[in-house]
Amino acid sequence: MTQEEKACLRKRKIRIAEVVRLTQAEIVLLLEVSPMRAKEIHSFATLQQLPSIGIRFVEDLHFMGIYCLEELRGKNPVALLDQYERMKGAWYDPCLEDQFRLIVYFANGGALTKQWWDFTDARKAFRIKNGYPLDRPKIGAHTL
């Protein structure tokens, strides 16, 4: 949230932790922001309540046009990583795939006791067997 948005919440005596309970329509009215910005704010508040899901990964999801768990239900986390890398034009640390595996697990009703590293062994086994797509970007994100 911007400093102005935080100040607006303070003025209305609403704590940042309470944003998750607001609807997007309420956020529009309270913060005087666009519906799209309200959607982003609500998404940040909601998704960051999940274990191992931080602001940076939520930004990555927003980059892909994903704002809530319902949009991830039934998705293939490997395909999501491949799509993300194509969209960015670079390959990313393998742990990002673990994040995608985790959030899809949550979206499909998985227990909130898991962390991203609980999916590392499955990712490694999958990649040993299947490798990466031939059209995977050749440039690593760390070099950008």
Protein backbone atom coordinates (compact mmCIF):
# COMPACT_ATOMS: atom_id res chain seq x y z
CA MET A 1 0.00 0.00 0.00
CA THR A 2 1.13 3.53 -0.64
CA GLN A 3 1.78 5.92 2.22
CA GLU A 4 -1.32 7.86 1.20
CA GLU A 5 -3.46 4.71 1.32
CA LYS A 6 -2.09 3.82 4.75
CA ALA A 7 -2.75 7.35 5.98
CA CYS A 8 -6.30 7.13 4.69
CA LEU A 9 -6.83 3.92 6.67
CA ARG A 10 -5.39 5.48 9.83
CA LYS A 11 -7.67 8.48 9.39
CA ARG A 12 -10.63 6.10 9.33
CA LYS A 13 -9.21 4.09 12.27
CA ILE A 14 -8.82 0.92 10.18
CA ARG A 15 -5.74 -1.21 10.74
CA ILE A 16 -3.95 -2.69 7.74
CA ALA A 17 -4.64 -6.18 9.11
CA GLU A 18 -8.38 -5.44 8.84
CA VAL A 19 -8.23 -4.76 5.09
CA VAL A 20 -8.70 -8.46 4.39
CA ARG A 21 -12.23 -8.22 5.84
CA LEU A 22 -13.22 -5.39 3.53
CA THR A 23 -14.84 -5.93 0.17
CA GLN A 24 -13.29 -4.44 -2.92
CA ALA A 25 -16.23 -2.02 -3.13
CA GLU A 26 -15.55 -0.85 0.43
CA ILE A 27 -11.87 -0.35 -0.38
CA VAL A 28 -12.82 1.81 -3.37
CA LEU A 29 -14.96 4.04 -1.16
CA LEU A 30 -12.67 4.16 1.89
CA LEU A 31 -9.41 4.77 0.04
CA GLU A 32 -10.84 6.62 -2.94
CA VAL A 33 -9.02 4.33 -5.37
CA SER A 34 -9.98 2.73 -8.65
CA PRO A 35 -11.70 -0.66 -8.66
CA MET A 36 -8.52 -2.17 -10.12
CA ARG A 37 -6.39 -0.74 -7.31
CA ALA A 38 -8.94 -2.01 -4.77
CA LYS A 39 -8.66 -5.46 -6.35
CA GLU A 40 -4.86 -5.33 -5.96
CA ILE A 41 -5.03 -4.15 -2.35
CA HIS A 42 -7.55 -6.84 -1.44
CA SER A 43 -5.43 -9.46 -3.19
CA PHE A 44 -2.26 -8.43 -1.33
CA ALA A 45 -4.11 -8.55 1.99
CA THR A 46 -5.71 -11.92 1.31
CA LEU A 47 -2.88 -13.85 -0.35
CA GLN A 48 -0.21 -12.72 2.09
CA GLN A 49 -2.14 -14.42 4.89
CA LEU A 50 -1.10 -17.75 3.40
CA PRO A 51 2.10 -19.41 4.66
CA SER A 52 5.19 -18.68 2.52
CA ILE A 53 3.36 -16.19 0.30
CA GLY A 54 5.01 -12.80 0.37
CA ILE A 55 4.53 -9.48 -1.32
CA ARG A 56 6.99 -10.25 -4.15
CA PHE A 57 5.20 -13.46 -5.14
CA VAL A 58 1.82 -11.70 -5.01
CA GLU A 59 3.29 -9.08 -7.36
CA ASP A 60 4.34 -11.95 -9.67
CA LEU A 61 0.79 -13.32 -9.61
CA HIS A 62 -0.61 -9.87 -10.40
CA PHE A 63 1.82 -9.63 -13.32
CA MET A 64 0.14 -12.77 -14.64
CA GLY A 65 -3.36 -11.37 -14.05
CA ILE A 66 -4.05 -13.57 -11.01
CA TYR A 67 -5.64 -11.92 -7.98
CA CYS A 68 -7.23 -14.68 -5.90
CA LEU A 69 -6.95 -18.35 -5.03
CA GLU A 70 -10.10 -19.21 -6.98
CA GLU A 71 -8.30 -18.24 -10.19
CA LEU A 72 -5.65 -20.89 -9.43
CA ARG A 73 -7.99 -23.77 -8.65
CA GLY A 74 -7.26 -26.71 -10.95
CA LYS A 75 -4.26 -25.00 -12.58
CA ASN A 76 -1.00 -26.75 -13.37
CA PRO A 77 1.80 -25.12 -11.34
CA VAL A 78 4.46 -26.24 -13.83
CA ALA A 79 2.54 -24.60 -16.67
CA LEU A 80 2.18 -21.44 -14.56
CA LEU A 81 5.95 -21.23 -14.07
CA ASP A 82 6.56 -21.84 -17.78
CA GLN A 83 4.04 -19.12 -18.66
CA TYR A 84 5.58 -16.71 -16.15
CA GLU A 85 9.08 -17.24 -17.52
CA ARG A 86 7.89 -16.73 -21.11
CA MET A 87 6.09 -13.54 -20.09
CA LYS A 88 9.19 -12.23 -18.31
CA GLY A 89 11.59 -13.41 -21.02
CA ALA A 90 13.95 -15.00 -18.50
CA TRP A 91 14.24 -18.15 -16.42
CA TYR A 92 13.95 -17.91 -12.64
CA ASP A 93 15.23 -19.70 -9.57
CA PRO A 94 13.67 -23.18 -9.29
CA CYS A 95 12.20 -22.23 -5.91
CA LEU A 96 9.69 -20.08 -7.78
CA GLU A 97 8.18 -23.29 -9.13
CA ASP A 98 7.86 -24.48 -5.53
CA GLN A 99 5.89 -21.30 -4.79
CA PHE A 100 3.56 -21.99 -7.70
CA ARG A 101 3.12 -25.57 -6.50
CA LEU A 102 2.31 -24.32 -3.00
CA ILE A 103 -0.28 -21.74 -3.99
CA VAL A 104 -2.04 -24.13 -6.38
CA TYR A 105 -2.07 -26.66 -3.53
CA PHE A 106 -3.77 -24.05 -1.32
CA ALA A 107 -6.20 -23.12 -4.10
CA ASN A 108 -7.25 -26.76 -4.35
CA GLY A 109 -8.04 -26.93 -0.64
CA GLY A 110 -4.68 -28.09 0.69
CA ALA A 111 -3.84 -27.68 4.37
CA LEU A 112 -2.34 -24.34 5.38
CA THR A 113 0.44 -26.17 7.19
CA LYS A 114 2.65 -26.46 4.10
CA GLN A 115 5.53 -24.19 3.15
CA TRP A 116 7.13 -23.72 -0.30
CA TRP A 117 10.04 -26.02 0.53
CA ASP A 118 7.62 -28.90 1.09
CA PHE A 119 7.33 -29.04 -2.71
CA THR A 120 11.04 -29.03 -3.54
CA ASP A 121 11.44 -32.82 -3.75
CA ALA A 122 8.40 -33.16 -6.04
CA ARG A 123 9.73 -30.40 -8.28
CA LYS A 124 13.19 -31.94 -8.48
CA ALA A 125 11.76 -35.37 -9.31
CA PHE A 126 9.49 -33.87 -11.97
CA ARG A 127 12.30 -31.90 -13.58
CA ILE A 128 14.68 -34.88 -13.60
CA LYS A 129 12.03 -36.89 -15.42
CA ASN A 130 10.64 -34.14 -17.70
CA GLY A 131 13.23 -31.39 -17.86
CA TYR A 132 12.25 -27.87 -18.91
CA PRO A 133 10.47 -26.80 -22.11
CA LEU A 134 12.67 -26.39 -25.17
CA ASP A 135 11.42 -22.81 -25.56
CA ARG A 136 12.41 -21.84 -22.01
CA PRO A 137 14.16 -18.45 -22.01
CA LYS A 138 17.95 -18.73 -22.19
CA ILE A 139 18.61 -15.67 -20.03
CA GLY A 140 18.53 -15.99 -16.26
CA ALA A 141 16.58 -13.34 -14.38
CA HIS A 142 19.58 -12.85 -12.09
CA THR A 143 21.52 -11.39 -15.05
CA LEU A 144 18.93 -8.73 -15.88
